[in-house]
């Protein structure tokens, strides 16, 4: 089996919910898709997190990468080393993550099994992955948080993540009080979104927030700093009683290893659509352990399925389930093999990428 073609493209899907999400100018979300084709007729699908921020760059970047991949056997686990060094980090690596997912989609389709089974997950032994509902936009009012929590409880979730750091601290505390009131003894996770939020916290502010969150019995505080502030992460972890989570912005194994060596987080949050795909995330779980891993997900059903299959294969502790309902998700289900995704030409045409970048802080 040989790779014959690799293509990438952006799609734009309406958001079905009536909420206004922080960063989204309209109720449309862009996603980045990669396809890998082989000489035996199989097509693998993957998603890259780059679609959220710069979907229009995916097609030309994948076109650049294609010349290094065509003719290779997808079973070759060292494919990334065929790519020049400029493609092994940053945006290009993020987009390559989608290629790696698509390759693994092909490999499991070739065996006619779901991806988690191909990766070694057991069909007999039940996994203990905890699913948590991820919504709670940083722009939500306390009343919207109340409605949001009631909604996730109705759906059967027992863990909820909300965002803070955009509104005033007094309002954020009121929002947290509201969430905890309706969650009761269920889990609350808090995301400071400092990887994208332009209103950065300094160390003392992050430490104070860690103390503030103790009263809500918060499971973790996520991304209290921009990802390059590793020393601040390490110091906060040593001084905070609230657990610290992060890692969604990292896309090289070396970066994850630095976090591990410096004891920067209690909970690591890789995402196969950004963190180098399946191959790199395997290494991340190896060094952090499955019970200290919570898979990050913030994409379409492609990203959800890919991360879920990875989580099942490794029996990781937590899996994020974004409640931003995308219309396109209703139309891209596959046949149960691979990551269970199929994107037809009709779907590509219907959800063709809008020219305007829709995500802006």
Protein backbone atom coordinates (compact mmCIF):
# COMPACT_ATOMS: atom_id res chain seq x y z
CA UNK A 1 0.00 0.00 0.00
CA UNK A 2 1.35 3.41 -0.99
CA UNK A 3 0.20 6.98 -0.46
CA UNK A 4 -0.94 8.50 -3.76
CA UNK A 5 -2.39 11.85 -2.75
CA UNK A 6 -2.67 14.15 0.26
CA UNK A 7 -5.08 17.10 0.27
CA UNK A 8 -6.13 19.63 2.87
CA UNK A 9 -8.99 22.09 3.02
CA UNK A 10 -11.02 24.24 5.35
CA UNK A 11 -14.75 23.95 5.92
CA UNK A 12 -17.19 26.29 7.66
CA UNK A 13 -20.08 24.92 9.69
CA UNK A 14 -22.95 26.81 11.30
CA UNK A 15 -23.08 26.45 15.09
CA UNK A 16 -26.49 25.06 16.01
CA UNK A 17 -26.66 26.51 19.52
CA UNK A 18 -27.85 30.07 20.11
CA UNK A 19 -24.97 30.91 22.45
CA UNK A 20 -22.39 33.53 21.52
CA UNK A 21 -18.93 32.07 22.02
CA UNK A 22 -15.88 34.09 22.96
CA UNK A 23 -13.72 34.59 19.90
CA UNK A 24 -16.39 33.74 17.35
CA UNK A 25 -17.71 36.76 15.47
CA UNK A 26 -20.68 34.89 14.00
CA UNK A 27 -22.31 31.53 14.64
CA UNK A 28 -19.91 29.81 12.26
CA UNK A 29 -16.91 27.65 13.13
CA UNK A 30 -14.08 26.90 10.71
CA UNK A 31 -12.47 23.46 10.75
CA UNK A 32 -9.39 22.06 9.00
CA UNK A 33 -9.57 18.69 7.25
CA UNK A 34 -6.86 16.49 5.74
CA UNK A 35 -7.35 13.52 3.42
CA UNK A 36 -4.76 10.84 2.61
CA UNK A 37 -5.42 8.60 -0.43
CA UNK A 38 -3.77 5.25 -1.16
CA UNK A 39 -3.31 3.05 -4.21
CA UNK A 40 -5.77 0.47 -2.90
CA UNK A 41 -8.60 3.00 -2.91
CA UNK A 42 -8.73 3.83 0.78
CA UNK A 43 -9.19 7.41 1.96
CA UNK A 44 -8.23 8.45 5.47
CA UNK A 45 -9.60 11.57 7.17
CA UNK A 46 -8.01 13.72 9.84
CA UNK A 47 -8.52 17.12 11.41
CA UNK A 48 -6.00 19.80 12.32
CA UNK A 49 -6.56 22.29 15.15
CA UNK A 50 -5.16 24.95 12.80
CA UNK A 51 -8.63 25.11 11.26
CA UNK A 52 -9.84 27.13 14.24
CA UNK A 53 -7.41 29.96 13.59
CA UNK A 54 -6.22 29.86 9.98
CA UNK A 55 -8.21 27.36 7.91
CA UNK A 56 -7.20 29.11 4.69
CA UNK A 57 -3.55 28.09 5.24
CA UNK A 58 -4.26 24.36 5.38
CA UNK A 59 -4.57 23.69 1.63
CA UNK A 60 -1.23 25.26 0.62
CA UNK A 61 0.61 23.78 3.61
CA UNK A 62 -0.65 20.28 2.89
CA UNK A 63 0.27 20.77 -0.77
CA UNK A 64 3.83 21.52 0.37
CA UNK A 65 3.91 18.43 2.59
CA UNK A 66 2.37 16.15 -0.06
CA UNK A 67 5.56 15.94 -2.13
CA UNK A 68 7.38 14.33 0.83
CA UNK A 69 4.63 11.78 1.46
CA UNK A 70 3.47 10.47 -1.91
CA UNK A 71 4.91 7.01 -2.62
CA UNK A 72 5.49 6.14 1.05
CA UNK A 73 3.97 3.16 2.81
CA UNK A 74 1.54 4.45 5.48
CA UNK A 75 2.74 1.67 7.79
CA UNK A 76 6.02 3.59 8.11
CA UNK A 77 5.83 5.07 11.61
CA UNK A 78 8.78 7.36 10.87
CA UNK A 79 7.05 9.27 8.06
CA UNK A 80 7.43 12.64 9.78
CA UNK A 81 11.21 12.40 9.42
CA UNK A 82 10.77 12.57 5.65
CA UNK A 83 9.68 16.17 6.14
CA UNK A 84 12.31 18.94 6.36
CA UNK A 85 13.01 20.29 9.84
CA UNK A 86 10.87 23.38 9.17
CA UNK A 87 7.82 21.14 9.27
CA UNK A 88 8.46 19.54 12.64
CA UNK A 89 7.05 22.24 14.90
CA UNK A 90 4.57 25.08 14.98
CA UNK A 91 1.84 25.53 12.40
CA UNK A 92 3.21 22.96 9.95
CA UNK A 93 3.42 20.32 12.71
CA UNK A 94 -0.12 21.18 13.78
CA UNK A 95 -1.32 20.57 10.22
CA UNK A 96 0.79 17.42 9.99
CA UNK A 97 -1.13 16.15 13.02
CA UNK A 98 -4.18 15.89 10.77
CA UNK A 99 -2.14 13.90 8.25
CA UNK A 100 -1.02 11.47 10.94
CA UNK A 101 -4.65 10.94 12.03
CA UNK A 102 -5.66 10.31 8.40
CA UNK A 103 -2.84 7.77 8.00
CA UNK A 104 -4.02 5.90 11.09
CA UNK A 105 -7.58 6.09 9.80
CA UNK A 106 -6.34 4.29 6.66
CA UNK A 107 -4.36 1.69 8.61
CA UNK A 108 -7.37 0.73 10.75
CA UNK A 109 -9.75 0.80 7.75
CA UNK A 110 -7.35 -1.54 5.97
CA UNK A 111 -7.81 -3.99 8.85
CA UNK A 112 -11.58 -3.29 8.86
CA UNK A 113 -11.52 -2.32 12.55
CA UNK A 114 -12.12 0.88 14.54
CA UNK A 115 -9.02 2.91 15.32
CA UNK A 116 -8.96 2.17 19.05
CA UNK A 117 -8.86 -1.56 18.31
CA UNK A 118 -6.07 -1.08 15.76
CA UNK A 119 -4.10 0.81 18.43
CA UNK A 120 -4.41 -2.10 20.82
CA UNK A 121 -7.50 -1.17 22.80
CA UNK A 122 -9.40 -4.13 24.23
CA UNK A 123 -12.93 -4.92 23.07
CA UNK A 124 -13.64 -7.06 26.14
CA UNK A 125 -12.23 -4.89 28.91
CA UNK A 126 -14.38 -1.80 29.58
CA UNK A 127 -12.54 1.49 29.76
CA UNK A 128 -12.97 3.96 32.60
CA UNK A 129 -12.70 7.22 30.64
CA UNK A 130 -14.56 10.07 32.26
CA UNK A 131 -16.30 12.33 29.73
CA UNK A 132 -16.62 15.98 30.66
CA UNK A 133 -18.87 18.54 29.05
CA UNK A 134 -16.92 21.53 27.78
CA UNK A 135 -18.81 24.76 27.23
CA UNK A 136 -19.19 27.70 29.61
CA UNK A 137 -17.90 30.40 27.26
CA UNK A 138 -15.94 33.14 29.01
CA UNK A 139 -18.62 35.56 27.77
CA UNK A 140 -21.51 33.72 29.44
CA UNK A 141 -23.45 35.57 32.13
CA UNK A 142 -24.24 33.85 35.46
CA UNK A 143 -27.74 33.08 34.12
CA UNK A 144 -26.30 31.52 30.98
CA UNK A 145 -23.95 29.43 33.15
CA UNK A 146 -26.99 28.26 35.15
CA UNK A 147 -28.79 27.19 31.97
CA UNK A 148 -25.62 25.59 30.64
CA UNK A 149 -25.07 23.46 33.75
CA UNK A 150 -28.71 22.37 33.80
CA UNK A 151 -28.35 21.38 30.14
CA UNK A 152 -25.24 19.24 30.66
CA UNK A 153 -26.81 17.52 33.67
CA UNK A 154 -29.87 16.72 31.54
CA UNK A 155 -27.53 15.17 28.99
CA UNK A 156 -26.10 12.91 31.69
CA UNK A 157 -22.70 14.53 32.21
CA UNK A 158 -21.27 14.71 35.72
CA UNK A 159 -18.25 16.93 34.94
CA UNK A 160 -18.31 20.45 33.49
CA UNK A 161 -15.64 22.85 32.24
CA UNK A 162 -16.16 26.60 31.99
CA UNK A 163 -13.91 29.47 30.92
CA UNK A 164 -12.88 32.55 32.92
CA UNK A 165 -10.51 35.50 32.51
CA UNK A 166 -12.41 37.76 30.11
CA UNK A 167 -14.94 39.45 32.37
CA UNK A 168 -14.17 41.09 35.72
CA UNK A 169 -13.04 38.92 38.61
CA UNK A 170 -16.23 39.69 40.56
CA UNK A 171 -18.38 38.52 37.67
CA UNK A 172 -16.24 35.43 37.14
CA UNK A 173 -16.59 34.52 40.82
CA UNK A 174 -20.37 34.92 40.54
CA UNK A 175 -20.36 32.70 37.46
CA UNK A 176 -18.35 30.07 39.37
CA UNK A 177 -20.68 30.24 42.36
CA UNK A 178 -23.61 29.68 40.02
CA UNK A 179 -21.95 26.72 38.33
CA UNK A 180 -21.11 25.04 41.63
CA UNK A 181 -24.58 25.67 43.02
CA UNK A 182 -26.20 23.67 40.25
CA UNK A 183 -23.41 21.09 39.86
CA UNK A 184 -23.53 20.16 43.52
CA UNK A 185 -21.01 17.36 44.13
CA UNK A 186 -20.25 16.96 40.44
CA UNK A 187 -16.86 17.97 39.01
CA UNK A 188 -16.01 21.53 37.97
CA UNK A 189 -13.01 22.31 35.77
CA UNK A 190 -11.92 25.89 35.06
CA UNK A 191 -10.07 27.07 31.95
CA UNK A 192 -8.28 30.44 32.12
CA UNK A 193 -7.62 30.26 28.32
CA UNK A 194 -4.32 32.12 28.72
CA UNK A 195 -3.03 30.41 25.60
CA UNK A 196 -5.33 32.67 23.55
CA UNK A 197 -6.66 35.29 25.98
CA UNK A 198 -4.85 38.63 25.39
CA UNK A 199 -5.55 39.64 29.03
CA UNK A 200 -2.67 37.63 30.51
CA UNK A 201 -2.36 36.88 34.20
CA UNK A 202 0.88 37.51 36.03
CA UNK A 203 2.11 34.93 38.54
CA UNK A 204 0.44 36.45 41.61
CA UNK A 205 -2.90 36.69 39.85
CA UNK A 206 -2.70 33.04 38.82
CA UNK A 207 -1.76 32.03 42.38
CA UNK A 208 -4.67 34.03 43.81
CA UNK A 209 -7.04 32.40 41.36
CA UNK A 210 -5.75 29.00 42.42
CA UNK A 211 -6.63 29.89 46.02
CA UNK A 212 -10.03 31.31 44.99
CA UNK A 213 -10.90 28.07 43.22
CA UNK A 214 -10.33 25.96 46.34
CA UNK A 215 -13.74 26.98 47.71
CA UNK A 216 -15.41 25.44 44.65
CA UNK A 217 -13.49 22.17 45.00
CA UNK A 218 -12.28 22.69 41.44
CA UNK A 219 -10.85 19.59 39.78
CA UNK A 220 -8.25 21.62 37.88
CA UNK A 221 -7.23 25.10 36.72
CA UNK A 222 -6.32 24.96 33.04
CA UNK A 223 -3.87 27.16 31.11
CA UNK A 224 -3.17 29.79 33.79
CA UNK A 225 -0.22 31.02 31.66
CA UNK A 226 0.81 31.16 28.06
CA UNK A 227 2.41 27.77 27.25
CA UNK A 228 6.00 29.04 27.09
CA UNK A 229 5.94 30.13 30.76
CA UNK A 230 7.11 26.72 31.96
CA UNK A 231 8.90 28.00 35.08
CA UNK A 232 5.76 29.83 36.19
CA UNK A 233 3.74 26.65 35.66
CA UNK A 234 6.22 24.70 37.81
CA UNK A 235 6.19 27.27 40.59
CA UNK A 236 2.40 27.48 40.61
CA UNK A 237 2.07 23.70 40.78
CA UNK A 238 4.34 23.64 43.84
CA UNK A 239 2.41 26.42 45.62
CA UNK A 240 -1.21 25.77 44.62
CA UNK A 241 -3.59 23.29 46.21
CA UNK A 242 -5.68 23.42 43.04
CA UNK A 243 -4.41 21.01 40.41
CA UNK A 244 -2.89 22.59 37.30
CA UNK A 245 -3.62 21.40 33.76
CA UNK A 246 -2.23 22.36 30.37
CA UNK A 247 -0.59 21.18 27.18
CA UNK A 248 -3.16 21.64 24.41
CA UNK A 249 -0.89 24.22 22.74
CA UNK A 250 2.17 21.94 22.61
CA UNK A 251 2.92 20.05 19.41
CA UNK A 252 6.37 18.54 19.87
CA UNK A 253 7.18 15.62 22.14
CA UNK A 254 10.22 17.58 23.34
CA UNK A 255 7.89 20.30 24.68
CA UNK A 256 5.84 17.72 26.58
CA UNK A 257 9.02 16.20 27.98
CA UNK A 258 10.11 19.62 29.29
CA UNK A 259 6.72 19.94 31.05
CA UNK A 260 7.24 16.50 32.55
CA UNK A 261 10.84 17.09 33.63
CA UNK A 262 10.01 20.47 35.18
CA UNK A 263 6.82 19.20 36.87
CA UNK A 264 4.83 21.93 35.16
CA UNK A 265 1.36 20.34 35.33
CA UNK A 266 -0.58 17.77 37.31
CA UNK A 267 -2.77 16.95 34.31
CA UNK A 268 -1.41 16.91 30.74
CA UNK A 269 -3.81 17.72 27.90
CA UNK A 270 -2.59 16.56 24.49
CA UNK A 271 -4.81 16.76 21.42
CA UNK A 272 -4.16 14.45 18.48
CA UNK A 273 -5.21 17.26 16.09
CA UNK A 274 -2.38 19.51 17.31
CA UNK A 275 0.13 17.47 19.30
CA UNK A 276 1.70 15.58 16.40
CA UNK A 277 -1.13 13.11 15.82
CA UNK A 278 -1.34 9.56 17.15
CA UNK A 279 2.40 8.84 17.01
CA UNK A 280 3.45 11.79 19.19
CA UNK A 281 0.54 11.43 21.61
CA UNK A 282 1.52 7.80 22.21
CA UNK A 283 4.84 9.11 23.55
CA UNK A 284 3.11 11.73 25.71
CA UNK A 285 0.95 9.14 27.48
CA UNK A 286 4.00 6.91 27.93
CA UNK A 287 5.79 9.53 30.04
CA UNK A 288 2.83 11.09 31.89
CA UNK A 289 0.75 7.97 32.40
CA UNK A 290 -2.84 7.46 31.31
CA UNK A 291 -4.29 8.55 34.66
CA UNK A 292 -2.60 11.95 34.43
CA UNK A 293 -3.88 12.54 30.89
CA UNK A 294 -7.02 14.39 29.81
CA UNK A 295 -7.50 14.61 26.04
CA UNK A 296 -8.21 18.11 24.77
CA UNK A 297 -10.87 18.40 22.03
CA UNK A 298 -12.18 21.54 20.35
CA UNK A 299 -13.16 20.70 16.80
CA UNK A 300 -15.67 18.87 14.65
CA UNK A 301 -16.79 15.26 14.94
CA UNK A 302 -13.53 14.31 13.20
CA UNK A 303 -11.50 15.68 16.13
CA UNK A 304 -13.92 14.23 18.69
CA UNK A 305 -13.75 10.75 17.16
CA UNK A 306 -9.97 10.76 16.69
CA UNK A 307 -9.33 11.81 20.30
CA UNK A 308 -11.97 9.41 21.62
CA UNK A 309 -10.43 6.43 19.83
CA UNK A 310 -7.00 7.41 21.15
CA UNK A 311 -8.44 7.77 24.67
CA UNK A 312 -10.08 4.34 24.47
CA UNK A 313 -6.87 2.71 23.27
CA UNK A 314 -4.91 4.13 26.21
CA UNK A 315 -7.71 4.23 28.79
CA UNK A 316 -6.86 7.83 29.66
CA UNK A 317 -8.54 9.48 32.62
CA UNK A 318 -10.60 12.25 30.99
CA UNK A 319 -11.92 13.13 27.53
CA UNK A 320 -13.25 16.58 26.67
CA UNK A 321 -16.59 16.70 24.83
CA UNK A 322 -17.23 20.13 23.29
CA UNK A 323 -20.90 21.11 23.43
CA UNK A 324 -20.54 23.59 20.58
CA UNK A 325 -22.90 21.72 18.26
CA UNK A 326 -21.81 21.92 14.63
CA UNK A 327 -24.31 21.30 11.86
CA UNK A 328 -21.74 19.45 9.75
CA UNK A 329 -21.37 16.76 12.43
CA UNK A 330 -24.76 15.36 11.44
CA UNK A 331 -23.56 14.47 7.94
CA UNK A 332 -20.04 13.00 8.17
CA UNK A 333 -20.53 9.62 9.87
CA UNK A 334 -18.56 6.73 8.40
CA UNK A 335 -19.10 2.96 8.45
CA UNK A 336 -17.65 2.20 11.89
CA UNK A 337 -14.07 1.46 10.83
CA UNK A 338 -11.13 3.80 11.39
CA UNK A 339 -12.33 6.97 13.07
CA UNK A 340 -15.84 6.43 11.67
CA UNK A 341 -15.82 9.48 9.38
CA UNK A 342 -16.70 10.04 5.74
CA UNK A 343 -16.77 13.46 4.07
CA UNK A 344 -18.34 13.41 0.62
CA UNK A 345 -17.88 15.94 -2.17
CA UNK A 346 -21.44 17.14 -1.55
CA UNK A 347 -20.57 17.94 2.08
CA UNK A 348 -17.39 19.74 1.01
CA UNK A 349 -19.45 21.85 -1.36
CA UNK A 350 -22.23 22.57 1.13
CA UNK A 351 -19.81 23.65 3.88
CA UNK A 352 -17.22 25.33 1.69
CA UNK A 353 -14.80 27.54 3.63
CA UNK A 354 -15.90 31.13 4.10
CA UNK A 355 -13.28 33.64 3.02
CA UNK A 356 -13.41 35.57 6.27
CA UNK A 357 -11.51 34.18 9.26
CA UNK A 358 -14.23 33.82 11.86
CA UNK A 359 -12.14 33.50 15.04
CA UNK A 360 -10.81 36.74 16.49
CA UNK A 361 -10.05 37.73 20.07
